[in-house]
Protein backbone atom coordinates (compact mmCIF):
# COMPACT_ATOMS: atom_id res chain seq x y z
CA MET A 1 -200.16 -34.26 -141.30
CA VAL A 2 -203.57 -33.53 -142.86
CA ALA A 3 -205.17 -33.40 -139.42
CA LEU A 4 -202.49 -31.08 -138.05
CA LEU A 5 -202.75 -28.69 -141.01
CA THR A 6 -206.52 -28.70 -140.67
CA VAL A 7 -206.40 -27.84 -136.98
CA ILE A 8 -203.85 -25.02 -137.38
CA PHE A 9 -205.09 -23.20 -140.46
CA ILE A 10 -208.81 -23.79 -140.15
CA CYS A 11 -208.43 -22.45 -136.62
CA VAL A 12 -206.83 -19.30 -138.07
CA TYR A 13 -209.69 -19.13 -140.57
CA THR A 14 -212.16 -19.41 -137.68
CA ALA A 15 -210.36 -16.58 -135.89
CA ALA A 16 -211.07 -14.40 -138.93
CA GLN A 17 -214.79 -14.99 -138.40
CA PHE A 18 -214.53 -13.87 -134.79
CA VAL A 19 -212.55 -10.79 -135.81
CA ALA A 20 -215.46 -9.95 -138.12
CA ALA A 21 -217.92 -10.46 -135.25
CA GLY A 22 -215.88 -8.16 -133.03
CA LYS A 23 -215.84 -5.41 -135.63
CA THR A 24 -219.57 -5.78 -136.24
CA LEU A 25 -220.56 -5.44 -132.58
CA GLU A 26 -218.08 -2.61 -132.14
CA VAL A 27 -220.11 -0.59 -134.66
CA PHE A 28 -223.58 -1.76 -133.60
CA LEU A 29 -223.22 -1.80 -129.81
CA GLY A 30 -220.00 0.11 -129.12
CA LEU A 31 -218.37 -2.95 -127.56
CA LYS A 32 -214.66 -3.61 -127.62
CA PRO A 33 -213.82 -6.06 -130.46
CA GLU A 34 -212.66 -8.66 -127.94
CA TRP A 35 -216.05 -8.67 -126.20
CA GLY A 36 -217.87 -8.85 -129.51
CA ALA A 37 -215.75 -11.83 -130.53
CA LEU A 38 -216.42 -13.51 -127.17
CA ILE A 39 -220.19 -13.13 -127.61
CA ALA A 40 -219.93 -14.79 -131.04
CA VAL A 41 -217.80 -17.63 -129.68
CA VAL A 42 -220.23 -18.38 -126.85
CA ALA A 43 -223.31 -18.22 -129.10
CA ILE A 44 -221.81 -20.56 -131.70
CA LEU A 45 -220.33 -23.01 -129.20
CA ILE A 46 -223.68 -23.45 -127.44
CA TYR A 47 -225.23 -25.24 -130.41
CA CYS A 48 -222.02 -26.76 -131.77
CA VAL A 49 -221.15 -28.50 -128.50
CA ASN A 50 -224.69 -29.74 -127.91
CA GLY A 51 -225.88 -30.51 -131.44
CA GLY A 52 -222.76 -31.19 -133.51
CA LEU A 53 -223.00 -31.41 -137.30
CA ILE A 54 -226.79 -31.79 -137.39
CA ALA A 55 -227.28 -28.56 -135.43
CA SER A 56 -224.79 -26.79 -137.69
CA ILE A 57 -226.58 -27.93 -140.86
CA TRP A 58 -230.05 -26.88 -139.69
CA THR A 59 -228.90 -23.49 -138.42
CA ASP A 60 -227.03 -22.95 -141.70
CA VAL A 61 -230.28 -23.42 -143.64
CA VAL A 62 -232.02 -20.68 -141.66
CA GLN A 63 -228.94 -18.45 -141.77
CA ALA A 64 -228.70 -18.82 -145.56
CA PHE A 65 -232.18 -17.34 -146.07
CA VAL A 66 -231.35 -14.42 -143.77
CA VAL A 67 -228.10 -13.77 -145.66
CA ILE A 68 -229.86 -13.81 -149.05
CA PHE A 69 -232.50 -11.34 -147.82
CA VAL A 70 -229.94 -8.96 -146.29
CA SER A 71 -227.48 -9.16 -149.22
CA PHE A 72 -229.95 -8.30 -151.94
CA GLY A 73 -231.96 -5.95 -149.73
CA MET A 74 -228.87 -3.89 -148.92
CA LEU A 75 -227.80 -3.88 -152.57
CA MET A 76 -231.17 -2.53 -153.71
CA VAL A 77 -231.19 0.13 -150.98
CA ALA A 78 -227.65 1.21 -151.90
CA ILE A 79 -228.52 1.52 -155.60
CA ILE A 80 -231.55 3.69 -154.78
CA ALA A 81 -229.56 5.81 -152.30
CA GLY A 82 -226.86 6.32 -154.91
CA GLY A 83 -229.37 7.76 -157.39
CA GLY A 84 -229.35 4.80 -159.74
CA ILE A 85 -226.65 2.97 -161.67
CA SER A 86 -225.70 5.92 -163.92
CA ASP A 87 -225.17 8.28 -160.96
CA ILE A 88 -223.17 5.63 -159.11
CA ILE A 89 -220.89 5.10 -162.11
CA GLU A 90 -220.41 8.85 -162.40
CA GLY A 91 -219.54 9.07 -158.71
CA LEU A 92 -217.02 6.23 -159.01
CA ASN A 93 -215.39 7.96 -161.98
CA GLN A 94 -214.98 11.11 -159.91
CA ILE A 95 -213.27 9.17 -157.13
CA ASP A 96 -211.05 7.09 -159.43
CA PRO A 97 -211.74 6.37 -163.13
CA GLN A 98 -210.06 2.97 -162.73
CA LEU A 99 -212.95 1.82 -160.51
CA THR A 100 -215.22 1.54 -163.55
CA GLN A 101 -212.66 -0.04 -165.89
CA ILE A 102 -212.86 -3.81 -166.29
CA THR A 103 -209.05 -4.02 -166.08
CA ALA A 104 -208.93 -1.59 -163.12
CA GLY A 105 -205.97 0.14 -164.76
CA PHE A 106 -203.74 -2.95 -164.52
CA THR A 107 -200.97 -3.51 -167.02
CA ASN A 108 -201.17 -6.72 -169.05
CA TRP A 109 -198.70 -8.55 -166.81
CA THR A 110 -200.33 -7.31 -163.62
CA LEU A 111 -203.73 -8.34 -164.92
CA LEU A 112 -202.39 -11.78 -165.83
CA ALA A 113 -200.89 -12.20 -162.35
CA PHE A 114 -204.19 -11.13 -160.80
CA MET A 115 -206.18 -13.61 -162.91
CA VAL A 116 -203.78 -16.49 -162.19
CA GLY A 117 -203.77 -15.70 -158.48
CA SER A 118 -207.57 -15.45 -158.41
CA PHE A 119 -207.91 -18.77 -160.23
CA PHE A 120 -205.70 -20.56 -157.72
CA TRP A 121 -207.45 -18.83 -154.84
CA GLY A 122 -210.83 -20.08 -156.06
CA PHE A 123 -209.51 -23.50 -157.06
CA GLY A 124 -207.67 -23.97 -153.80
CA PHE A 125 -210.58 -22.58 -151.79
CA ASP A 126 -212.87 -25.34 -153.06
CA MET A 127 -210.24 -28.10 -153.08
CA SER A 128 -208.77 -27.57 -149.62
CA GLN A 129 -211.62 -26.58 -147.31
CA PRO A 130 -212.46 -29.57 -145.07
CA HIS A 131 -215.37 -27.76 -143.44
CA MET A 132 -217.08 -27.50 -146.85
CA LEU A 133 -216.10 -30.92 -148.19
CA VAL A 134 -217.55 -32.63 -145.11
CA ARG A 135 -220.99 -31.29 -146.09
CA LEU A 136 -220.77 -33.05 -149.45
CA LEU A 137 -219.59 -36.22 -147.75
CA ALA A 138 -222.59 -36.04 -145.42
CA GLY A 139 -224.95 -36.51 -148.38
CA LYS A 140 -227.06 -39.68 -148.43
CA ASN A 141 -225.93 -40.55 -151.95
CA PRO A 142 -223.91 -39.11 -154.89
CA LYS A 143 -227.03 -37.57 -156.43
CA GLU A 144 -227.75 -35.58 -153.27
CA ALA A 145 -224.11 -34.47 -153.11
CA ARG A 146 -224.26 -33.18 -156.70
CA GLN A 147 -227.45 -31.28 -155.94
CA ALA A 148 -225.84 -29.79 -152.83
CA ARG A 149 -222.90 -28.63 -154.95
CA TRP A 150 -225.13 -26.54 -157.21
CA VAL A 151 -227.13 -25.16 -154.30
CA TYR A 152 -223.89 -24.12 -152.62
CA LEU A 153 -222.34 -22.54 -155.72
CA THR A 154 -225.52 -20.64 -156.57
CA TYR A 155 -225.87 -19.32 -153.03
CA VAL A 156 -222.21 -18.33 -152.66
CA TYR A 157 -221.78 -16.53 -155.97
CA LEU A 158 -225.09 -14.67 -155.76
CA THR A 159 -224.48 -13.39 -152.23
CA TRP A 160 -220.80 -12.65 -152.87
CA THR A 161 -221.68 -10.68 -156.00
CA ALA A 162 -224.36 -8.72 -154.16
CA MET A 163 -222.00 -7.80 -151.33
CA VAL A 164 -219.12 -6.88 -153.64
CA LEU A 165 -221.41 -4.53 -155.56
CA PHE A 166 -222.68 -3.08 -152.28
CA GLY A 167 -219.10 -2.41 -151.21
CA VAL A 168 -218.28 -0.71 -154.50
CA ILE A 169 -221.39 1.50 -154.27
CA CYS A 170 -220.39 2.48 -150.72
CA ARG A 171 -217.25 4.02 -152.18
CA VAL A 172 -219.66 6.71 -153.38
CA LEU A 173 -222.07 6.71 -150.43
CA ILE A 174 -219.41 6.61 -147.69
CA PRO A 175 -216.20 7.91 -149.31
CA GLU A 176 -214.37 8.27 -145.99
CA ILE A 177 -214.46 5.44 -143.45
CA ASP A 178 -211.61 4.38 -141.18
CA ASP A 179 -212.10 0.64 -141.73
CA PRO A 180 -213.72 -0.57 -145.00
CA GLU A 181 -214.59 -3.89 -143.32
CA LYS A 182 -217.07 -2.01 -141.12
CA VAL A 183 -218.96 -0.41 -144.00
CA LEU A 184 -222.07 -2.64 -143.85
CA PRO A 185 -222.84 -2.15 -140.13
CA PHE A 186 -221.83 1.52 -140.39
CA TYR A 187 -224.24 2.13 -143.27
CA ALA A 188 -227.04 0.27 -141.50
CA MET A 189 -226.60 2.18 -138.23
CA HIS A 190 -226.82 5.55 -139.96
CA ASN A 191 -229.68 4.84 -142.38
CA PHE A 192 -232.23 2.44 -140.85
CA ASP A 193 -234.64 2.11 -137.95
CA PRO A 194 -233.52 -0.11 -135.05
CA TRP A 195 -235.67 -3.10 -136.08
CA LEU A 196 -234.14 -3.12 -139.57
CA VAL A 197 -230.69 -2.75 -138.04
CA GLY A 198 -231.45 -5.88 -136.01
CA ILE A 199 -232.27 -7.84 -139.17
CA ILE A 200 -229.05 -6.67 -140.82
CA LEU A 201 -227.08 -7.62 -137.71
CA ALA A 202 -228.70 -11.07 -137.91
CA GLY A 203 -227.61 -11.30 -141.55
CA ILE A 204 -224.00 -10.45 -140.73
CA PHE A 205 -223.91 -12.93 -137.86
CA SER A 206 -225.50 -15.57 -140.07
CA VAL A 207 -222.53 -15.31 -142.44
CA ILE A 208 -220.09 -15.48 -139.55
CA ALA A 209 -221.83 -18.33 -137.72
CA SER A 210 -222.49 -20.48 -140.80
CA THR A 211 -218.76 -20.47 -141.55
CA ALA A 212 -217.38 -20.61 -138.02
CA ASP A 213 -219.57 -23.47 -136.80
CA SER A 214 -218.50 -25.71 -139.69
CA GLN A 215 -214.85 -24.85 -139.12
CA ILE A 216 -215.03 -25.49 -135.39
CA LEU A 217 -216.63 -28.91 -135.93
CA VAL A 218 -214.15 -30.07 -138.57
CA CYS A 219 -211.24 -28.82 -136.42
CA SER A 220 -212.54 -30.59 -133.33
CA SER A 221 -213.01 -33.81 -135.30
CA ALA A 222 -209.45 -33.63 -136.65
CA LEU A 223 -208.08 -32.83 -133.20
CA ALA A 224 -210.06 -35.55 -131.42
CA LYS A 225 -209.94 -38.39 -133.95
CA ASP A 226 -207.38 -37.94 -136.71
CA ILE A 227 -204.24 -36.74 -134.96
CA SER A 228 -204.17 -39.84 -132.74
CA PRO A 229 -206.82 -42.50 -133.49
CA THR A 230 -205.51 -44.72 -130.68
CA TRP A 231 -205.86 -41.93 -128.13
CA TYR A 232 -209.33 -41.18 -129.46
CA GLN A 233 -210.41 -44.79 -128.90
CA LYS A 234 -209.21 -44.72 -125.31
CA MET A 235 -210.81 -41.37 -124.50
CA SER A 236 -214.11 -42.10 -126.25
CA GLN A 237 -214.41 -45.42 -124.40
CA LYS A 238 -213.80 -43.63 -121.11
CA TYR A 239 -215.78 -40.42 -121.64
CA GLY A 240 -218.01 -41.15 -124.64
CA LEU A 241 -219.57 -38.15 -126.38
CA ARG A 242 -218.26 -35.78 -123.72
CA TYR A 243 -214.74 -36.15 -125.12
CA GLN A 244 -215.81 -34.90 -128.57
CA GLN A 245 -217.81 -32.10 -126.95
CA PHE A 246 -214.77 -31.07 -124.92
CA MET A 247 -212.65 -30.94 -128.08
CA THR A 248 -215.27 -28.76 -129.77
CA LEU A 249 -215.17 -26.40 -126.80
CA LEU A 250 -211.36 -26.41 -126.84
CA VAL A 251 -211.19 -25.47 -130.53
CA GLY A 252 -213.59 -22.58 -129.94
CA VAL A 253 -211.43 -21.31 -127.08
CA LEU A 254 -208.23 -21.64 -129.15
CA ALA A 255 -209.83 -19.73 -132.03
CA PHE A 256 -210.86 -16.97 -129.62
CA ILE A 257 -207.32 -16.73 -128.23
CA ALA A 258 -206.01 -16.51 -131.80
CA THR A 259 -208.50 -13.70 -132.44
CA ILE A 260 -206.97 -11.65 -129.64
CA PHE A 261 -203.35 -12.15 -130.68
CA LEU A 262 -203.72 -12.03 -134.48
CA SER A 263 -203.84 -8.29 -135.11
CA SER A 264 -204.90 -8.27 -138.75
CA THR A 265 -207.87 -7.65 -141.02
CA VAL A 266 -210.47 -10.31 -141.73
CA PHE A 267 -209.43 -10.35 -145.38
CA ALA A 268 -205.73 -10.82 -144.61
CA LEU A 269 -206.40 -13.69 -142.18
CA VAL A 270 -208.65 -15.46 -144.69
CA LEU A 271 -206.08 -15.02 -147.47
CA PHE A 272 -203.30 -16.43 -145.29
CA ALA A 273 -205.36 -19.44 -144.18
CA VAL A 274 -206.62 -20.20 -147.69
CA GLY A 275 -203.11 -19.78 -149.13
CA ALA A 276 -201.66 -22.26 -146.65
CA LEU A 277 -204.45 -24.80 -147.22
CA THR A 278 -204.33 -24.37 -151.00
CA SER A 279 -200.60 -25.06 -151.04
CA SER A 280 -200.71 -28.07 -148.71
CA LEU A 281 -204.05 -29.89 -148.79
CA GLY A 282 -204.95 -28.73 -152.32
CA PRO A 283 -202.24 -30.69 -154.21
CA ALA A 284 -202.82 -33.80 -152.09
CA MET A 285 -206.55 -33.63 -152.75
CA LEU A 286 -206.05 -33.19 -156.50
CA ILE A 287 -203.59 -36.10 -156.70
CA THR A 288 -206.05 -38.31 -154.82
CA LEU A 289 -209.05 -37.31 -156.94
CA LEU A 290 -207.15 -37.88 -160.19
CA LYS A 291 -206.04 -41.28 -158.86
CA ARG A 292 -202.43 -40.48 -159.61
CA ARG A 293 -199.76 -42.98 -158.62
CA THR A 294 -198.61 -41.91 -155.17
CA HIS A 295 -197.16 -42.94 -151.81
CA TYR A 296 -198.08 -41.71 -148.35
CA LEU A 297 -194.56 -40.35 -147.75
CA ALA A 298 -194.62 -38.54 -151.08
CA LEU A 299 -197.97 -36.96 -150.20
CA SER A 300 -196.67 -35.89 -146.79
CA LEU A 301 -193.58 -34.27 -148.30
CA THR A 302 -195.73 -32.67 -150.99
CA MET A 303 -197.94 -30.99 -148.40
CA LEU A 304 -194.95 -29.87 -146.36
CA VAL A 305 -193.13 -28.34 -149.34
CA GLY A 306 -196.28 -26.58 -150.53
CA LEU A 307 -196.89 -25.10 -147.09
CA ILE A 308 -193.29 -23.91 -146.67
CA THR A 309 -193.35 -22.35 -150.14
CA ALA A 310 -196.54 -20.42 -149.36
CA ILE A 311 -195.24 -19.15 -146.02
CA VAL A 312 -191.86 -18.08 -147.42
CA TRP A 313 -193.61 -16.41 -150.38
CA ARG A 314 -195.72 -14.35 -147.97
CA ILE A 315 -192.79 -13.51 -145.67
CA LEU A 316 -190.82 -12.18 -148.66
CA GLY A 317 -193.80 -10.02 -149.62
CA TYR A 318 -194.29 -11.64 -153.02
CA ASN A 319 -197.97 -12.20 -152.18
CA GLU A 320 -198.41 -8.54 -153.16
CA ILE A 321 -197.54 -9.63 -156.70
CA ILE A 322 -199.38 -12.94 -156.89
CA PHE A 323 -201.33 -15.09 -154.41
CA GLU A 324 -199.03 -17.49 -152.51
CA GLY A 325 -201.30 -20.42 -153.31
CA PHE A 326 -200.08 -20.35 -156.92
CA PRO A 327 -196.36 -21.07 -156.33
CA GLY A 328 -197.17 -23.31 -153.36
CA PHE A 329 -199.59 -25.46 -155.36
CA ILE A 330 -197.39 -25.74 -158.47
CA ILE A 331 -194.15 -26.46 -156.60
CA ALA A 332 -195.91 -29.05 -154.43
CA LEU A 333 -197.18 -30.91 -157.51
CA LEU A 334 -193.73 -30.80 -159.13
CA VAL A 335 -192.11 -32.14 -155.96
CA HIS A 336 -194.62 -34.99 -155.83
CA GLU A 337 -193.92 -36.03 -159.42
CA LEU A 338 -190.17 -35.79 -158.84
CA LEU A 339 -190.43 -37.98 -155.74
CA MET A 340 -192.54 -40.57 -157.55
CA VAL A 341 -190.09 -40.97 -160.44
CA SER A 342 -187.02 -41.05 -158.20
CA LEU A 343 -187.37 -42.20 -154.59
CA PHE A 344 -190.70 -44.05 -154.80
CA SER A 345 -190.58 -45.48 -158.31
CA ASN A 346 -190.40 -49.07 -157.04
CA GLN A 347 -192.32 -48.61 -153.79
CA LYS A 348 -195.70 -50.17 -153.11
CA LEU A 349 -198.40 -47.64 -153.89
CA SER A 350 -200.56 -46.19 -151.12
């Protein structure tokens, strides 16, 4: 079940990266989004198929430095273009005074729902992302894994903060834009020389590639090895490394097909994928880490119930009130405890 959930929802998550690539090249080069996504797929698959995890890790290191440079460079440029922090705040107040309020004009209950949903989004994001967890598992020893954790958290929160602030400032600099997800390439195209635009394009693609390559590799591993270990043994004995490479290529193609048919924003696709993973893999991961008494059937039912809860919650539109990962995660944990005290109380533990 874990392998199947990984393949389905990480593949959707990967599709979100290719949607972002399509939008980026649509602004920079005037290409149709589908062609932009295809270029990203081909570029990423070239080194994923040939180099695997090692190639992904080394390219991620280079991409991280490019992302840091572009994130903070664009933030500084935006602050200067906006006339400084005081002028930017004044401009935001003119657009909507709630933009500068720490509560954003939320009522107490709405603010509470937002905070709870955000907590479970962040908690579930870190607990249920196989493509990130595999990097920690690849460490030579626990000490290296702990160091990697702090490097990752520092990098993510610094670059995320820089880009969020850039987006807020662009509410003043570019008050009218048809798609807010295109604001970074749009701003670059209209304010910089071509060589700087190229660096910014590299920064955007670094973010996309560093996420998509990890997701493709973890999906291909789950598809090749975990869904049917017996089949994997037969195929690997017959075809060797080529079988794993084929699966990597297949996942990339499937993600591209999903990109074409999933007509949604990058943000919505990411939220849906994270919500599904938070509600299914998240509870199972937490139970395992806490070394709670469990059973493999109880864990399977827990993941299934959490996933169904999240999907139904989104279908009913309640995700507009609170992130679907919250009810999915909580209900899944409750179901697990109920199963363990009723059906599996005398069963041999897994």
